[in-house]
C-alpha atoms as a PDB file:
ATOM      1  CA  UNK A   1       9.810  44.213 -24.941  1.00  0.00           C
ATOM      2  CA  UNK A   2       9.039  42.919 -28.492  1.00  0.00           C
ATOM      3  CA  UNK A   3      11.410  40.229 -28.445  1.00  0.00           C
ATOM      4  CA  UNK A   4      10.548  38.723 -25.150  1.00  0.00           C
ATOM      5  CA  UNK A   5       6.969  38.958 -25.718  1.00  0.00           C
ATOM      6  CA  UNK A   6       6.579  36.884 -29.044  1.00  0.00           C
ATOM      7  CA  UNK A   7       8.495  34.065 -27.382  1.00  0.00           C
ATOM      8  CA  UNK A   8       6.512  34.262 -23.761  1.00  0.00           C
ATOM      9  CA  UNK A   9       3.310  34.172 -26.481  1.00  0.00           C
ATOM     10  CA  UNK A  10       4.590  31.248 -28.535  1.00  0.00           C
ATOM     11  CA  UNK A  11       5.232  29.136 -25.229  1.00  0.00           C
ATOM     12  CA  UNK A  12       1.947  30.042 -24.030  1.00  0.00           C
ATOM     13  CA  UNK A  13      -0.015  29.035 -26.877  1.00  0.00           C
ATOM     14  CA  UNK A  14       1.793  25.600 -27.051  1.00  0.00           C
ATOM     15  CA  UNK A  15       1.060  24.813 -23.539  1.00  0.00           C
ATOM     16  CA  UNK A  16      -2.583  25.786 -24.398  1.00  0.00           C
ATOM     17  CA  UNK A  17      -2.752  23.458 -27.658  1.00  0.00           C
ATOM     18  CA  UNK A  18      -1.316  21.052 -25.525  1.00  0.00           C
ATOM     19  CA  UNK A  19      -4.171  21.068 -23.092  1.00  0.00           C
ATOM     20  CA  UNK A  20      -6.865  21.144 -25.673  1.00  0.00           C
ATOM     21  CA  UNK A  21      -5.354  18.180 -27.538  1.00  0.00           C
ATOM     22  CA  UNK A  22      -5.660  16.408 -24.223  1.00  0.00           C
ATOM     23  CA  UNK A  23      -8.978  17.024 -23.670  1.00  0.00           C
ATOM     24  CA  UNK A  24      -9.735  16.118 -27.053  1.00  0.00           C
ATOM     25  CA  UNK A  25      -7.801  12.493 -26.939  1.00  0.00           C
ATOM     26  CA  UNK A  26      -9.725  12.048 -23.534  1.00  0.00           C
ATOM     27  CA  UNK A  27     -13.147  13.375 -25.159  1.00  0.00           C
ATOM     28  CA  UNK A  28     -12.203  10.392 -27.930  1.00  0.00           C
ATOM     29  CA  UNK A  29     -12.165   8.098 -25.615  1.00  0.00           C
ATOM     30  CA  UNK A  30     -15.343   8.964 -23.991  1.00  0.00           C
ATOM     31  CA  UNK A  31     -17.572   7.220 -25.996  1.00  0.00           C
ATOM     32  CA  UNK A  32     -16.211   3.431 -25.886  1.00  0.00           C
ATOM     33  CA  UNK A  33     -16.971   4.179 -22.025  1.00  0.00           C
ATOM     34  CA  UNK A  34     -20.379   4.770 -22.087  1.00  0.00           C
ATOM     35  CA  UNK A  35     -22.181   1.322 -22.646  1.00  0.00           C
ATOM     36  CA  UNK A  36     -25.211  -0.290 -20.563  1.00  0.00           C
ATOM     37  CA  UNK A  37     -24.712  -2.955 -18.309  1.00  0.00           C
ATOM     38  CA  UNK A  38     -27.046  -5.348 -20.041  1.00  0.00           C
ATOM     39  CA  UNK A  39     -24.906  -4.603 -23.191  1.00  0.00           C
ATOM     40  CA  UNK A  40     -21.377  -5.639 -21.258  1.00  0.00           C
ATOM     41  CA  UNK A  41     -23.433  -8.732 -20.205  1.00  0.00           C
ATOM     42  CA  UNK A  42     -24.607  -9.992 -23.413  1.00  0.00           C
ATOM     43  CA  UNK A  43     -21.367  -9.150 -24.938  1.00  0.00           C
ATOM     44  CA  UNK A  44     -19.644 -11.816 -22.279  1.00  0.00           C
ATOM     45  CA  UNK A  45     -22.356 -14.195 -22.944  1.00  0.00           C
ATOM     46  CA  UNK A  46     -21.467 -14.272 -26.734  1.00  0.00           C
ATOM     47  CA  UNK A  47     -17.814 -14.009 -26.458  1.00  0.00           C
ATOM     48  CA  UNK A  48     -18.203 -17.641 -25.169  1.00  0.00           C
ATOM     49  CA  UNK A  49     -20.482 -18.444 -28.386  1.00  0.00           C
ATOM     50  CA  UNK A  50     -18.385 -19.214 -31.623  1.00  0.00           C
ATOM     51  CA  UNK A  51     -20.015 -17.963 -34.264  1.00  0.00           C
ATOM     52  CA  UNK A  52     -18.997 -16.903 -38.005  1.00  0.00           C
ATOM     53  CA  UNK A  53     -19.974 -13.529 -38.984  1.00  0.00           C
ATOM     54  CA  UNK A  54     -20.796 -11.739 -41.920  1.00  0.00           C
ATOM     55  CA  UNK A  55     -18.654  -9.699 -43.461  1.00  0.00           C
ATOM     56  CA  UNK A  56     -20.884  -6.849 -43.209  1.00  0.00           C
ATOM     57  CA  UNK A  57     -21.642  -7.336 -39.510  1.00  0.00           C
ATOM     58  CA  UNK A  58     -20.565  -4.029 -37.278  1.00  0.00           C
ATOM     59  CA  UNK A  59     -18.430  -4.992 -34.798  1.00  0.00           C
ATOM     60  CA  UNK A  60     -18.833  -2.132 -32.204  1.00  0.00           C
ATOM     61  CA  UNK A  61     -16.130  -1.390 -30.202  1.00  0.00           C
ATOM     62  CA  UNK A  62     -16.492  -1.007 -26.543  1.00  0.00           C
ATOM     63  CA  UNK A  63     -13.549  -0.465 -24.018  1.00  0.00           C
ATOM     64  CA  UNK A  64     -15.345  -0.785 -20.322  1.00  0.00           C
ATOM     65  CA  UNK A  65     -16.067  -3.933 -20.631  1.00  0.00           C
ATOM     66  CA  UNK A  66     -12.827  -5.382 -21.418  1.00  0.00           C
ATOM     67  CA  UNK A  67     -11.044  -3.377 -19.065  1.00  0.00           C
ATOM     68  CA  UNK A  68     -13.057  -4.454 -16.170  1.00  0.00           C
ATOM     69  CA  UNK A  69     -12.090  -7.804 -17.407  1.00  0.00           C
ATOM     70  CA  UNK A  70      -8.648  -7.564 -17.255  1.00  0.00           C
ATOM     71  CA  UNK A  71      -8.799  -5.789 -13.792  1.00  0.00           C
ATOM     72  CA  UNK A  72     -10.772  -8.862 -13.031  1.00  0.00           C
ATOM     73  CA  UNK A  73      -8.131 -11.373 -13.888  1.00  0.00           C
ATOM     74  CA  UNK A  74      -5.388  -9.463 -12.613  1.00  0.00           C
ATOM     75  CA  UNK A  75      -7.534  -9.645  -9.018  1.00  0.00           C
ATOM     76  CA  UNK A  76      -8.000 -13.665  -9.615  1.00  0.00           C
ATOM     77  CA  UNK A  77      -4.343 -14.382  -9.799  1.00  0.00           C
ATOM     78  CA  UNK A  78      -3.829 -11.983  -6.995  1.00  0.00           C
ATOM     79  CA  UNK A  79      -6.124 -14.221  -4.928  1.00  0.00           C
ATOM     80  CA  UNK A  80      -4.434 -17.132  -6.176  1.00  0.00           C
ATOM     81  CA  UNK A  81      -1.047 -16.215  -5.062  1.00  0.00           C
ATOM     82  CA  UNK A  82      -2.472 -15.066  -1.526  1.00  0.00           C
ATOM     83  CA  UNK A  83      -4.251 -18.894  -1.517  1.00  0.00           C
ATOM     84  CA  UNK A  84      -1.392 -20.657  -2.462  1.00  0.00           C
ATOM     85  CA  UNK A  85       1.946 -21.001  -0.070  1.00  0.00           C
ATOM     86  CA  UNK A  86       4.144 -18.137  -2.419  1.00  0.00           C
ATOM     87  CA  UNK A  87       6.099 -16.129   0.017  1.00  0.00           C
ATOM     88  CA  UNK A  88       5.557 -12.870  -2.204  1.00  0.00           C
ATOM     89  CA  UNK A  89       4.998  -8.999  -1.047  1.00  0.00           C
ATOM     90  CA  UNK A  90       1.724  -7.148  -1.609  1.00  0.00           C
ATOM     91  CA  UNK A  91       3.451  -4.551  -3.903  1.00  0.00           C
ATOM     92  CA  UNK A  92       5.384  -6.969  -5.961  1.00  0.00           C
ATOM     93  CA  UNK A  93       2.403  -9.352  -6.476  1.00  0.00           C
ATOM     94  CA  UNK A  94      -0.432  -6.500  -7.339  1.00  0.00           C
ATOM     95  CA  UNK A  95       2.098  -4.536  -9.832  1.00  0.00           C
ATOM     96  CA  UNK A  96       3.286  -7.922 -11.611  1.00  0.00           C
ATOM     97  CA  UNK A  97      -0.715  -9.268 -11.889  1.00  0.00           C
ATOM     98  CA  UNK A  98      -1.600  -5.646 -13.684  1.00  0.00           C
ATOM     99  CA  UNK A  99       1.296  -5.403 -16.010  1.00  0.00           C
ATOM    100  CA  UNK A 100       1.155  -9.074 -16.794  1.00  0.00           C
ATOM    101  CA  UNK A 101      -2.600  -8.846 -17.743  1.00  0.00           C
ATOM    102  CA  UNK A 102      -2.681  -5.021 -19.244  1.00  0.00           C
ATOM    103  CA  UNK A 103       1.020  -5.372 -20.821  1.00  0.00           C
ATOM    104  CA  UNK A 104      -0.725  -8.775 -22.674  1.00  0.00           C
ATOM    105  CA  UNK A 105      -4.304  -7.016 -23.405  1.00  0.00           C
ATOM    106  CA  UNK A 106      -2.605  -3.971 -25.123  1.00  0.00           C
ATOM    107  CA  UNK A 107       0.684  -6.100 -26.686  1.00  0.00           C
ATOM    108  CA  UNK A 108      -1.299  -9.093 -27.929  1.00  0.00           C
ATOM    109  CA  UNK A 109      -3.903  -6.584 -29.428  1.00  0.00           C
ATOM    110  CA  UNK A 110      -1.153  -4.161 -31.322  1.00  0.00           C
ATOM    111  CA  UNK A 111       0.173  -7.718 -32.574  1.00  0.00           C
ATOM    112  CA  UNK A 112      -2.760  -8.915 -34.117  1.00  0.00           C
ATOM    113  CA  UNK A 113      -3.759  -5.213 -35.753  1.00  0.00           C
ATOM    114  CA  UNK A 114      -0.295  -5.834 -37.229  1.00  0.00           C
ATOM    115  CA  UNK A 115      -0.429  -8.902 -38.917  1.00  0.00           C
ATOM    116  CA  UNK A 116      -4.353  -8.282 -39.781  1.00  0.00           C
ATOM    117  CA  UNK A 117      -3.072  -4.780 -41.120  1.00  0.00           C
ATOM    118  CA  UNK A 118      -0.662  -7.375 -43.321  1.00  0.00           C
ATOM    119  CA  UNK A 119      -3.139  -9.505 -44.361  1.00  0.00           C
ATOM    120  CA  UNK A 120      -5.457  -6.701 -45.101  1.00  0.00           C
ATOM    121  CA  UNK A 121      -8.204  -7.255 -42.329  1.00  0.00           C
ATOM    122  CA  UNK A 122     -11.021  -4.726 -41.971  1.00  0.00           C
ATOM    123  CA  UNK A 123     -10.413  -4.436 -38.055  1.00  0.00           C
ATOM    124  CA  UNK A 124      -9.497  -0.971 -36.011  1.00  0.00           C
ATOM    125  CA  UNK A 125      -7.405  -1.233 -33.198  1.00  0.00           C
ATOM    126  CA  UNK A 126     -10.196  -0.392 -31.090  1.00  0.00           C
ATOM    127  CA  UNK A 127     -12.352  -3.429 -32.724  1.00  0.00           C
ATOM    128  CA  UNK A 128      -9.418  -5.964 -31.983  1.00  0.00           C
ATOM    129  CA  UNK A 129      -8.870  -4.506 -27.953  1.00  0.00           C
ATOM    130  CA  UNK A 130     -12.614  -4.910 -27.654  1.00  0.00           C
ATOM    131  CA  UNK A 131     -12.424  -8.375 -29.103  1.00  0.00           C
ATOM    132  CA  UNK A 132      -9.426  -9.432 -27.062  1.00  0.00           C
ATOM    133  CA  UNK A 133     -10.804  -8.023 -24.241  1.00  0.00           C
ATOM    134  CA  UNK A 134     -14.027  -9.756 -23.923  1.00  0.00           C
ATOM    135  CA  UNK A 135     -11.941 -13.596 -24.945  1.00  0.00           C
ATOM    136  CA  UNK A 136     -10.058 -12.726 -21.830  1.00  0.00           C
ATOM    137  CA  UNK A 137     -13.368 -13.333 -19.807  1.00  0.00           C
ATOM    138  CA  UNK A 138     -12.936 -17.502 -20.699  1.00  0.00           C
ATOM    139  CA  UNK A 139      -9.532 -17.046 -19.011  1.00  0.00           C
ATOM    140  CA  UNK A 140     -11.434 -15.571 -15.900  1.00  0.00           C
ATOM    141  CA  UNK A 141     -13.645 -18.655 -15.624  1.00  0.00           C
ATOM    142  CA  UNK A 142     -11.099 -21.377 -16.305  1.00  0.00           C
ATOM    143  CA  UNK A 143      -8.873 -19.904 -13.747  1.00  0.00           C
ATOM    144  CA  UNK A 144     -11.586 -19.377 -11.280  1.00  0.00           C
ATOM    145  CA  UNK A 145     -12.662 -22.550 -11.734  1.00  0.00           C
ATOM    146  CA  UNK A 146      -9.144 -23.996 -11.108  1.00  0.00           C
ATOM    147  CA  UNK A 147      -8.229 -21.945  -8.174  1.00  0.00           C
ATOM    148  CA  UNK A 148     -11.608 -23.408  -5.847  1.00  0.00           C
ATOM    149  CA  UNK A 149     -11.538 -27.019  -7.679  1.00  0.00           C
ATOM    150  CA  UNK A 150      -7.910 -27.687  -9.561  1.00  0.00           C
ATOM    151  CA  UNK A 151      -5.423 -29.822  -7.289  1.00  0.00           C
ATOM    152  CA  UNK A 152      -1.746 -29.776  -8.265  1.00  0.00           C
ATOM    153  CA  UNK A 153      -1.413 -33.183  -9.077  1.00  0.00           C
ATOM    154  CA  UNK A 154      -4.112 -33.414 -11.332  1.00  0.00           C
ATOM    155  CA  UNK A 155      -4.173 -31.472 -14.339  1.00  0.00           C
ATOM    156  CA  UNK A 156      -7.137 -33.036 -15.945  1.00  0.00           C
ATOM    157  CA  UNK A 157      -9.839 -30.623 -14.715  1.00  0.00           C
ATOM    158  CA  UNK A 158      -7.701 -27.763 -15.880  1.00  0.00           C
ATOM    159  CA  UNK A 159      -6.889 -29.405 -19.347  1.00  0.00           C
ATOM    160  CA  UNK A 160     -10.790 -29.950 -19.918  1.00  0.00           C
ATOM    161  CA  UNK A 161     -11.649 -25.929 -19.146  1.00  0.00           C
ATOM    162  CA  UNK A 162      -8.900 -24.749 -21.129  1.00  0.00           C
ATOM    163  CA  UNK A 163      -9.895 -26.849 -24.077  1.00  0.00           C
ATOM    164  CA  UNK A 164     -13.519 -26.026 -24.199  1.00  0.00           C
ATOM    165  CA  UNK A 165     -14.339 -22.702 -22.446  1.00  0.00           C
ATOM    166  CA  UNK A 166     -11.018 -20.916 -23.261  1.00  0.00           C
ATOM    167  CA  UNK A 167     -11.139 -22.937 -27.032  1.00  0.00           C
ATOM    168  CA  UNK A 168     -14.937 -21.833 -27.469  1.00  0.00           C
ATOM    169  CA  UNK A 169     -13.431 -18.136 -27.109  1.00  0.00           C
ATOM    170  CA  UNK A 170     -10.604 -18.270 -28.841  1.00  0.00           C
ATOM    171  CA  UNK A 171     -12.692 -19.630 -31.956  1.00  0.00           C
ATOM    172  CA  UNK A 172     -15.391 -16.499 -31.534  1.00  0.00           C
ATOM    173  CA  UNK A 173     -12.445 -14.265 -31.865  1.00  0.00           C
ATOM    174  CA  UNK A 174     -10.341 -15.850 -34.987  1.00  0.00           C
ATOM    175  CA  UNK A 175     -13.970 -16.496 -36.665  1.00  0.00           C
ATOM    176  CA  UNK A 176     -14.295 -12.533 -36.610  1.00  0.00           C
ATOM    177  CA  UNK A 177     -11.247 -11.891 -37.766  1.00  0.00           C
ATOM    178  CA  UNK A 178     -11.162 -14.276 -40.360  1.00  0.00           C
ATOM    179  CA  UNK A 179     -14.940 -13.622 -41.756  1.00  0.00           C
ATOM    180  CA  UNK A 180     -12.994  -9.394 -42.087  1.00  0.00           C
ATOM    181  CA  UNK A 181     -10.081 -10.785 -44.107  1.00  0.00           C
ATOM    182  CA  UNK A 182     -10.650 -10.327 -47.770  1.00  0.00           C
ATOM    183  CA  UNK A 183      -8.145 -12.375 -49.035  1.00  0.00           C
ATOM    184  CA  UNK A 184      -9.127 -15.903 -48.624  1.00  0.00           C
ATOM    185  CA  UNK A 185      -5.514 -17.674 -48.163  1.00  0.00           C
ATOM    186  CA  UNK A 186      -4.663 -15.137 -45.096  1.00  0.00           C
ATOM    187  CA  UNK A 187      -7.750 -16.358 -43.055  1.00  0.00           C
ATOM    188  CA  UNK A 188      -6.456 -19.470 -41.755  1.00  0.00           C
ATOM    189  CA  UNK A 189      -2.951 -18.478 -40.963  1.00  0.00           C
ATOM    190  CA  UNK A 190      -4.578 -15.367 -39.308  1.00  0.00           C
ATOM    191  CA  UNK A 191      -7.502 -17.473 -37.431  1.00  0.00           C
ATOM    192  CA  UNK A 192      -4.504 -19.943 -36.059  1.00  0.00           C
ATOM    193  CA  UNK A 193      -2.423 -16.937 -34.790  1.00  0.00           C
ATOM    194  CA  UNK A 194      -4.850 -15.563 -32.738  1.00  0.00           C
ATOM    195  CA  UNK A 195      -6.471 -18.948 -31.496  1.00  0.00           C
ATOM    196  CA  UNK A 196      -2.752 -19.624 -30.578  1.00  0.00           C
ATOM    197  CA  UNK A 197      -1.796 -16.387 -28.622  1.00  0.00           C
ATOM    198  CA  UNK A 198      -5.041 -16.422 -26.922  1.00  0.00           C
ATOM    199  CA  UNK A 199      -4.929 -20.635 -25.724  1.00  0.00           C
ATOM    200  CA  UNK A 200      -1.278 -20.273 -25.032  1.00  0.00           C
ATOM    201  CA  UNK A 201      -1.416 -17.169 -22.612  1.00  0.00           C
ATOM    202  CA  UNK A 202      -3.882 -19.080 -20.335  1.00  0.00           C
ATOM    203  CA  UNK A 203      -1.312 -22.136 -20.118  1.00  0.00           C
ATOM    204  CA  UNK A 204       1.470 -19.371 -19.069  1.00  0.00           C
ATOM    205  CA  UNK A 205      -0.800 -18.405 -16.539  1.00  0.00           C
ATOM    206  CA  UNK A 206      -1.766 -21.705 -15.275  1.00  0.00           C
ATOM    207  CA  UNK A 207       1.889 -22.751 -15.305  1.00  0.00           C
ATOM    208  CA  UNK A 208       4.602 -19.619 -15.239  1.00  0.00           C
ATOM    209  CA  UNK A 209       2.999 -16.891 -13.737  1.00  0.00           C
ATOM    210  CA  UNK A 210       3.382 -18.042  -9.834  1.00  0.00           C
ATOM    211  CA  UNK A 211       7.469 -18.854 -10.764  1.00  0.00           C
ATOM    212  CA  UNK A 212       7.546 -14.879 -12.328  1.00  0.00           C
ATOM    213  CA  UNK A 213       5.872 -13.536  -9.531  1.00  0.00           C
ATOM    214  CA  UNK A 214       8.257 -15.128  -7.143  1.00  0.00           C
ATOM    215  CA  UNK A 215      11.745 -14.727  -9.610  1.00  0.00           C
ATOM    216  CA  UNK A 216      10.540 -10.833  -9.339  1.00  0.00           C
ATOM    217  CA  UNK A 217      10.083 -10.901  -5.704  1.00  0.00           C
ATOM    218  CA  UNK A 218      13.220 -13.044  -5.085  1.00  0.00           C
ATOM    219  CA  UNK A 219      15.177 -10.077  -7.264  1.00  0.00           C
ATOM    220  CA  UNK A 220      13.743  -7.125  -5.330  1.00  0.00           C
ATOM    221  CA  UNK A 221      14.379  -9.014  -2.027  1.00  0.00           C
ATOM    222  CA  UNK A 222      18.362  -9.326  -2.974  1.00  0.00           C
ATOM    223  CA  UNK A 223      18.342  -6.052  -3.747  1.00  0.00           C
ATOM    224  CA  UNK A 224      16.911  -4.906  -0.832  1.00  0.00           C
ATOM    225  CA  UNK A 225      19.901  -7.437   1.016  1.00  0.00           C
ATOM    226  CA  UNK A 226      22.171  -6.311  -1.044  1.00  0.00           C
ATOM    227  CA  UNK A 227      21.792  -2.609  -0.101  1.00  0.00           C
ATOM    228  CA  UNK A 228      21.392  -3.418   3.324  1.00  0.00           C
ATOM    229  CA  UNK A 229      24.773  -5.089   3.267  1.00  0.00           C
ATOM    230  CA  UNK A 230      26.290  -2.350   1.638  1.00  0.00           C
ATOM    231  CA  UNK A 231      25.045   0.099   4.226  1.00  0.00           C
ATOM    232  CA  UNK A 232      25.685  -2.057   7.643  1.00  0.00           C
ATOM    233  CA  UNK A 233      29.427  -1.383   7.609  1.00  0.00           C
ATOM    234  CA  UNK A 234      29.043   1.985   7.032  1.00  0.00           C
ATOM    235  CA  UNK A 235      26.859   2.013  10.375  1.00  0.00           C
ATOM    236  CA  UNK A 236      29.037   0.171  12.258  1.00  0.00           C
ATOM    237  CA  UNK A 237      32.122   1.851  11.031  1.00  0.00           C
ATOM    238  CA  UNK A 238      30.926   5.268  11.784  1.00  0.00           C
ATOM    239  CA  UNK A 239      29.472   3.561  15.143  1.00  0.00           C
ATOM    240  CA  UNK A 240      33.008   2.634  16.232  1.00  0.00           C
ATOM    241  CA  UNK A 241      34.302   5.972  14.844  1.00  0.00           C
ATOM    242  CA  UNK A 242      31.598   7.924  17.515  1.00  0.00           C
ATOM    243  CA  UNK A 243      33.814   6.686  21.071  1.00  0.00           C
ATOM    244  CA  UNK A 244      36.738   8.035  19.506  1.00  0.00           C
ATOM    245  CA  UNK A 245      35.095  11.522  18.700  1.00  0.00           C
ATOM    246  CA  UNK A 246      33.508  11.901  21.926  1.00  0.00           C
ATOM    247  CA  UNK A 247      36.495  11.077  24.004  1.00  0.00           C
ATOM    248  CA  UNK A 248      38.350  14.100  22.167  1.00  0.00           C
ATOM    249  CA  UNK A 249      35.202  16.577  23.054  1.00  0.00           C
ATOM    250  CA  UNK A 250      35.471  15.191  26.418  1.00  0.00           C
ATOM    251  CA  UNK A 251      39.178  15.722  26.482  1.00  0.00           C
ATOM    252  CA  UNK A 252      38.503  19.441  24.609  1.00  0.00           C
ATOM    253  CA  UNK A 253      36.322  20.272  27.510  1.00  0.00           C
ATOM    254  CA  UNK A 254      38.203  19.072  30.427  1.00  0.00           C
ATOM    255  CA  UNK A 255      40.891  21.373  29.073  1.00  0.00           C
ATOM    256  CA  UNK A 256      38.326  24.205  28.661  1.00  0.00           C
ATOM    257  CA  UNK A 257      37.650  23.994  32.140  1.00  0.00           C
ATOM    258  CA  UNK A 258      41.225  23.679  33.607  1.00  0.00           C
ATOM    259  CA  UNK A 259      41.460  27.162  31.333  1.00  0.00           C
ATOM    260  CA  UNK A 260      38.508  28.566  33.048  1.00  0.00           C
ATOM    261  CA  UNK A 261      39.367  27.927  36.684  1.00  0.00           C
ATOM    262  CA  UNK A 262      43.124  28.865  35.762  1.00  0.00           C
ATOM    263  CA  UNK A 263      41.539  31.824  34.425  1.00  0.00           C
ATOM    264  CA  UNK A 264      39.685  32.371  37.600  1.00  0.00           C
ATOM    265  CA  UNK A 265      42.698  31.908  40.295  1.00  0.00           C
ATOM    266  CA  UNK A 266      44.423  34.455  38.124  1.00  0.00           C
ATOM    267  CA  UNK A 267      41.500  36.828  38.168  1.00  0.00           C
ATOM    268  CA  UNK A 268      41.043  36.398  41.890  1.00  0.00           C
ATOM    269  CA  UNK A 269      45.207  37.030  42.304  1.00  0.00           C
ATOM    270  CA  UNK A 270      44.545  40.291  40.732  1.00  0.00           C
ATOM    271  CA  UNK A 271      41.730  41.605  43.023  1.00  0.00           C
ATOM    272  CA  UNK A 272      44.202  40.662  46.190  1.00  0.00           C
ATOM    273  CA  UNK A 273      46.931  42.546  44.522  1.00  0.00           C
ATOM    274  CA  UNK A 274      44.561  45.249  43.671  1.00  0.00           C
ATOM    275  CA  UNK A 275      43.434  45.410  47.219  1.00  0.00           C
ATOM    276  CA  UNK A 276      47.093  45.141  48.139  1.00  0.00           C
ATOM    277  CA  UNK A 277      48.436  47.929  46.187  1.00  0.00           C
ATOM    278  CA  UNK A 278      44.987  50.159  47.265  1.00  0.00           C
ATOM    279  CA  UNK A 279      45.914  49.221  51.030  1.00  0.00           C
ATOM    280  CA  UNK A 280      49.567  50.295  50.371  1.00  0.00           C
ATOM    281  CA  UNK A 281      48.405  53.245  48.918  1.00  0.00           C
ATOM    282  CA  UNK A 282      46.051  54.651  51.918  1.00  0.00           C
ATOM    283  CA  UNK A 283      48.861  54.019  54.458  1.00  0.00           C
ATOM    284  CA  UNK A 284      51.303  55.824  52.407  1.00  0.00           C
ATOM    285  CA  UNK A 285      49.233  58.904  51.755  1.00  0.00           C
ATOM    286  CA  UNK A 286      48.538  59.042  55.525  1.00  0.00           C
ATOM    287  CA  UNK A 287      52.251  58.951  56.459  1.00  0.00           C
ATOM    288  CA  UNK A 288      52.573  61.869  53.897  1.00  0.00           C
ATOM    289  CA  UNK A 289      50.577  63.769  55.344  1.00  0.00           C
ATOM    290  CA  UNK A 290      51.625  63.333  59.205  1.00  0.00           C
END
């Protein structure tokens, strides 16, 4: 009993510890989503105003605003695809948009954090996530204007919006990263890396995202078509086998009916023989009495 008791107790203890750790992690993220709407609006405006902060200035991390910006960016991409003539299924379209937006936000933030660690930059991963997320507000503005004003034949308006609006957001984020880098030799290189990643992603969303979504949709359609093409011969083969099976069943039922009729006739003959036997027996008994 003692040998069974301790493993069960240890397993239950580990499960309880996992639940406590999960709640502690959620409780750790809760302050980053506790923000006033006025503060979010102020951060949105200041994300487009390039300004060189001081090294002592505290960059307060916050993830509610960046999360909403990423959701908005995905919604704009979906709306663009709906307005265009691209034939993509809704599930594929929504999944691709959210994967691209959240994948870039988290992936680029970790890439910037890794380079910042090498360059001895005093920024945490949550601070970089906040800066990078608010910088995506410029992408939302540019893509929203490009959706209603931009034409396929003339990209001049897009390039102007890309250079000024997205450039200001990239300059703001690069200036914050450069200001928190202690080594002056790494400031310019790190700032250029951050700005380049930010600007190139908007070019990708404008020129290459639609093709990616269509390629994924076509790949899924090919998989579905191949699956149907593999299933149809099996169904046809089963359909061809159905008449032979039904004919055999019909023959079996016919033979059973014939056998049943034979049994019925045999039973009737036996009854007749039995009646004849009783008549002869009674006649023989009467003659014997006389």
